[in-house]
């Protein structure tokens, strides 16, 4: 399953698609590009395992110290293959390489990769529990090009279509501004215990389904939009 974002318009300001992610902001990029979005596959795992630590070290370094990142990479920041098996995880592809990943979950696990899991990962009840936004990572060369916002759109559309009425995320400090711009509110702030004994500050955030948001039985194709 593939979704495309096409770029072919001369340089100008381009607003993101959904109003909740575009409150007073716009995106401007210097050259045309085409980004394809598709559901992640198991054979993407090696590329994801390379992308995630690179993204974390480069894009989170302004918020977390090197020792916190060392303690998080591989466990808190890692590949959760259950999301891939559930077909709720997406990748962004540009120039034939994966430049971003992210998705949602109907499972109980709040964050982390396979190495952090112990035992079963049961399914949530959409009538009483929120879906979760999970594991957004973008290649540093493709940061601030709308990839995270598109993952949010795809994830929310799928989660609401699956019957969930609320979406939550355990956000990093680096990710908090994006989610706030997309309509998420802070529930609580706390710290995650890391394998090296350090403690990483995170933010639990939530967003309810908008009353006028339509549900679709399957994920919609991403319509063409300009990114320049």
Protein backbone atom coordinates (compact mmCIF):
# COMPACT_ATOMS: atom_id res chain seq x y z
CA UNK A 1 0.00 0.00 0.00
CA UNK A 2 1.57 3.28 -1.11
CA UNK A 3 0.78 6.95 -0.56
CA UNK A 4 2.47 9.77 -2.44
CA UNK A 5 3.28 13.39 -1.83
CA UNK A 6 4.42 15.00 -5.07
CA UNK A 7 6.38 18.22 -5.47
CA UNK A 8 6.49 20.26 -8.64
CA UNK A 9 5.57 23.88 -7.86
CA UNK A 10 8.04 26.80 -7.72
CA UNK A 11 9.26 27.99 -4.33
CA UNK A 12 6.59 29.43 -2.05
CA UNK A 13 5.10 28.98 1.40
CA UNK A 14 3.06 25.78 1.70
CA UNK A 15 0.66 25.16 4.55
CA UNK A 16 0.08 21.68 5.93
CA UNK A 17 -3.17 19.94 5.01
CA UNK A 18 -5.08 19.61 8.27
CA UNK A 19 -6.01 22.74 10.17
CA UNK A 20 -5.06 21.18 13.51
CA UNK A 21 -1.47 20.93 12.30
CA UNK A 22 -1.34 24.39 10.72
CA UNK A 23 -2.22 26.89 13.38
CA UNK A 24 -0.16 29.89 12.40
CA UNK A 25 2.57 27.93 10.65
CA UNK A 26 3.72 27.22 7.12
CA UNK A 27 6.48 25.27 5.44
CA UNK A 28 9.01 26.65 2.98
CA UNK A 29 11.60 24.48 1.25
CA UNK A 30 14.21 25.35 -1.30
CA UNK A 31 13.94 22.56 -3.85
CA UNK A 32 11.33 20.22 -5.25
CA UNK A 33 11.04 16.69 -3.93
CA UNK A 34 8.73 13.73 -4.06
CA UNK A 35 8.05 11.67 -0.97
CA UNK A 36 6.13 8.41 -1.01
CA UNK A 37 4.38 7.00 2.06
CA UNK A 38 3.60 3.33 2.45
CA UNK A 39 2.96 0.74 5.16
CA UNK A 40 6.22 -0.61 6.59
CA UNK A 41 7.34 -4.17 5.82
CA UNK A 42 9.50 -6.56 7.78
CA UNK A 43 12.26 -6.21 5.20
CA UNK A 44 12.44 -2.50 6.14
CA UNK A 45 13.73 -3.35 9.62
CA UNK A 46 17.47 -3.03 8.82
CA UNK A 47 16.91 0.43 7.33
CA UNK A 48 14.81 1.45 10.34
CA UNK A 49 17.47 0.22 12.74
CA UNK A 50 19.95 2.51 10.97
CA UNK A 51 17.60 5.49 10.75
CA UNK A 52 16.35 5.58 14.34
CA UNK A 53 19.66 6.15 16.17
CA UNK A 54 20.79 8.69 13.55
CA UNK A 55 17.55 10.62 13.89
CA UNK A 56 17.61 10.47 17.69
CA UNK A 57 21.21 11.61 18.07
CA UNK A 58 20.91 14.46 15.57
CA UNK A 59 17.41 15.78 16.20
CA UNK A 60 17.07 15.13 19.95
CA UNK A 61 20.50 16.42 20.98
CA UNK A 62 19.15 19.87 21.75
CA UNK A 63 16.81 18.38 24.35
CA UNK A 64 18.65 15.38 25.80
CA UNK A 65 22.26 14.85 26.83
CA UNK A 66 24.42 12.18 25.13
CA UNK A 67 24.14 9.82 28.10
CA UNK A 68 20.34 10.02 28.01
CA UNK A 69 20.34 9.25 24.30
CA UNK A 70 22.78 6.37 24.86
CA UNK A 71 20.39 4.90 27.43
CA UNK A 72 17.33 5.33 25.19
CA UNK A 73 18.60 4.10 21.82
CA UNK A 74 17.78 0.45 21.24
CA UNK A 75 15.12 0.25 23.94
CA UNK A 76 13.01 3.42 24.19
CA UNK A 77 14.10 4.42 20.68
CA UNK A 78 13.91 1.19 18.71
CA UNK A 79 11.96 -0.83 16.16
CA UNK A 80 8.72 -2.37 17.43
CA UNK A 81 8.04 -5.10 14.89
CA UNK A 82 4.56 -5.69 16.33
CA UNK A 83 3.51 -2.39 14.72
CA UNK A 84 4.80 -3.65 11.38
CA UNK A 85 2.93 -6.95 11.77
CA UNK A 86 -0.23 -4.99 12.65
CA UNK A 87 0.22 -2.84 9.52
CA UNK A 88 -0.02 0.33 11.61
CA UNK A 89 3.48 1.61 10.93
CA UNK A 90 4.46 3.76 7.94
CA UNK A 91 7.63 4.78 6.17
CA UNK A 92 8.44 7.81 4.06
CA UNK A 93 10.60 7.10 1.03
CA UNK A 94 12.58 9.64 -1.01
CA UNK A 95 15.22 8.89 -3.64
CA UNK A 96 14.61 5.16 -3.04
CA UNK A 97 15.60 5.32 0.64
CA UNK A 98 13.60 5.40 3.85
CA UNK A 99 13.81 8.92 5.30
CA UNK A 100 11.15 8.69 7.99
CA UNK A 101 9.05 6.25 10.00
CA UNK A 102 6.12 6.51 12.35
CA UNK A 103 2.67 5.18 13.03
CA UNK A 104 0.06 4.25 15.58
CA UNK A 105 -0.76 1.31 17.81
CA UNK A 106 -3.79 -0.53 19.10
CA UNK A 107 -1.55 -2.32 21.61
CA UNK A 108 -0.91 -1.68 25.33
CA UNK A 109 2.80 -0.87 24.97
CA UNK A 110 3.37 2.88 25.34
CA UNK A 111 6.79 3.20 23.72
CA UNK A 112 9.98 1.35 22.89
CA UNK A 113 11.29 -1.33 20.58
CA UNK A 114 11.38 -5.10 20.68
CA UNK A 115 14.31 -5.18 23.09
CA UNK A 116 12.27 -3.37 25.75
CA UNK A 117 9.32 -5.77 25.63
CA UNK A 118 8.55 -8.56 28.04
CA UNK A 119 5.78 -11.03 27.26
CA UNK A 120 2.58 -10.42 25.33
CA UNK A 121 1.39 -7.06 24.05
CA UNK A 122 -2.41 -7.18 24.33
CA UNK A 123 -4.84 -5.13 22.24
CA UNK A 124 -6.58 -2.05 23.63
CA UNK A 125 -10.35 -1.66 23.76
CA UNK A 126 -11.25 1.25 21.42
CA UNK A 127 -14.47 1.85 23.35
CA UNK A 128 -12.64 2.77 26.55
CA UNK A 129 -8.95 3.24 25.71
CA UNK A 130 -6.99 5.53 23.41
CA UNK A 131 -4.94 4.52 20.42
CA UNK A 132 -1.29 5.50 20.61
CA UNK A 133 0.92 7.50 18.27
CA UNK A 134 4.21 5.62 18.14
CA UNK A 135 7.86 5.98 17.20
CA UNK A 136 8.24 8.94 14.84
CA UNK A 137 11.76 9.32 13.45
CA UNK A 138 12.94 11.41 10.50
CA UNK A 139 16.30 11.54 8.78
CA UNK A 140 18.04 14.83 9.72
CA UNK A 141 18.34 15.81 6.05
CA UNK A 142 14.55 15.62 5.73
CA UNK A 143 13.55 17.32 9.00
CA UNK A 144 10.92 20.09 8.83
CA UNK A 145 9.55 18.94 5.51
CA UNK A 146 6.13 17.86 6.77
CA UNK A 147 6.90 14.16 7.19
CA UNK A 148 5.92 14.04 10.85
CA UNK A 149 2.70 15.89 10.17
CA UNK A 150 1.80 13.45 7.39
CA UNK A 151 2.46 10.50 9.72
CA UNK A 152 0.10 12.11 12.23
CA UNK A 153 -2.59 12.47 9.57
CA UNK A 154 -2.23 8.88 8.37
CA UNK A 155 -2.14 7.52 11.93
CA UNK A 156 -5.14 9.48 13.18
CA UNK A 157 -7.20 8.58 10.11
CA UNK A 158 -6.50 4.88 10.61
CA UNK A 159 -7.00 4.92 14.39
CA UNK A 160 -10.34 6.72 14.19
CA UNK A 161 -11.46 4.44 11.36
CA UNK A 162 -10.63 1.49 13.65
CA UNK A 163 -13.10 2.80 16.22
CA UNK A 164 -10.86 4.74 18.58
CA UNK A 165 -12.12 8.12 19.79
CA UNK A 166 -8.95 9.38 21.42
CA UNK A 167 -5.26 9.25 20.55
CA UNK A 168 -2.40 9.61 23.02
CA UNK A 169 1.35 9.78 22.75
CA UNK A 170 4.31 9.63 25.09
CA UNK A 171 6.19 12.46 23.40
CA UNK A 172 9.81 13.44 23.66
CA UNK A 173 10.62 17.04 24.50
CA UNK A 174 11.70 17.50 20.89
CA UNK A 175 8.38 16.22 19.58
CA UNK A 176 6.13 18.17 21.96
CA UNK A 177 5.88 21.36 19.80
CA UNK A 178 4.75 19.38 16.74
CA UNK A 179 2.04 17.52 18.62
CA UNK A 180 0.86 20.70 20.34
CA UNK A 181 0.55 22.35 16.89
CA UNK A 182 -1.53 19.35 15.77
CA UNK A 183 -4.07 19.75 18.55
CA UNK A 184 -2.58 17.56 21.29
CA UNK A 185 -2.74 18.76 24.89
CA UNK A 186 -0.45 17.91 27.79
CA UNK A 187 -1.78 15.37 30.28
CA UNK A 188 1.30 14.89 32.44
CA UNK A 189 5.06 15.15 32.49
CA UNK A 190 7.20 12.38 33.91
CA UNK A 191 10.46 10.51 33.35
CA UNK A 192 11.26 7.12 31.82
CA UNK A 193 13.82 4.89 33.55
CA UNK A 194 16.62 4.02 31.13
CA UNK A 195 18.81 0.92 31.05
CA UNK A 196 21.88 2.95 32.06
CA UNK A 197 20.22 4.23 35.23
CA UNK A 198 19.38 7.67 33.86
CA UNK A 199 15.90 9.15 33.62
CA UNK A 200 14.50 10.70 30.43
CA UNK A 201 11.83 13.43 30.71
CA UNK A 202 8.80 12.85 28.43
CA UNK A 203 5.32 14.30 27.98
CA UNK A 204 2.06 12.38 27.82
CA UNK A 205 -0.30 14.15 25.39
CA UNK A 206 -3.77 13.41 24.02
CA UNK A 207 -6.19 14.45 21.30
CA UNK A 208 -9.84 13.56 20.83
CA UNK A 209 -11.54 12.87 17.51
CA UNK A 210 -12.99 16.06 16.06
CA UNK A 211 -16.80 16.00 15.71
CA UNK A 212 -16.62 16.74 11.97
CA UNK A 213 -13.83 14.31 11.25
CA UNK A 214 -15.06 11.66 8.84
CA UNK A 215 -14.08 8.04 9.17
CA UNK A 216 -13.06 5.93 6.20
CA UNK A 217 -12.94 2.13 6.13
CA UNK A 218 -9.39 2.09 4.75
CA UNK A 219 -6.46 4.49 4.77
CA UNK A 220 -6.95 7.14 2.10
CA UNK A 221 -4.38 7.81 -0.56
CA UNK A 222 -2.42 10.97 0.08
CA UNK A 223 -3.49 13.48 -2.51
CA UNK A 224 -0.82 15.33 -4.43
CA UNK A 225 0.47 18.44 -2.71
CA UNK A 226 3.31 20.80 -3.39
CA UNK A 227 6.45 20.74 -1.32
CA UNK A 228 9.14 23.05 -2.57
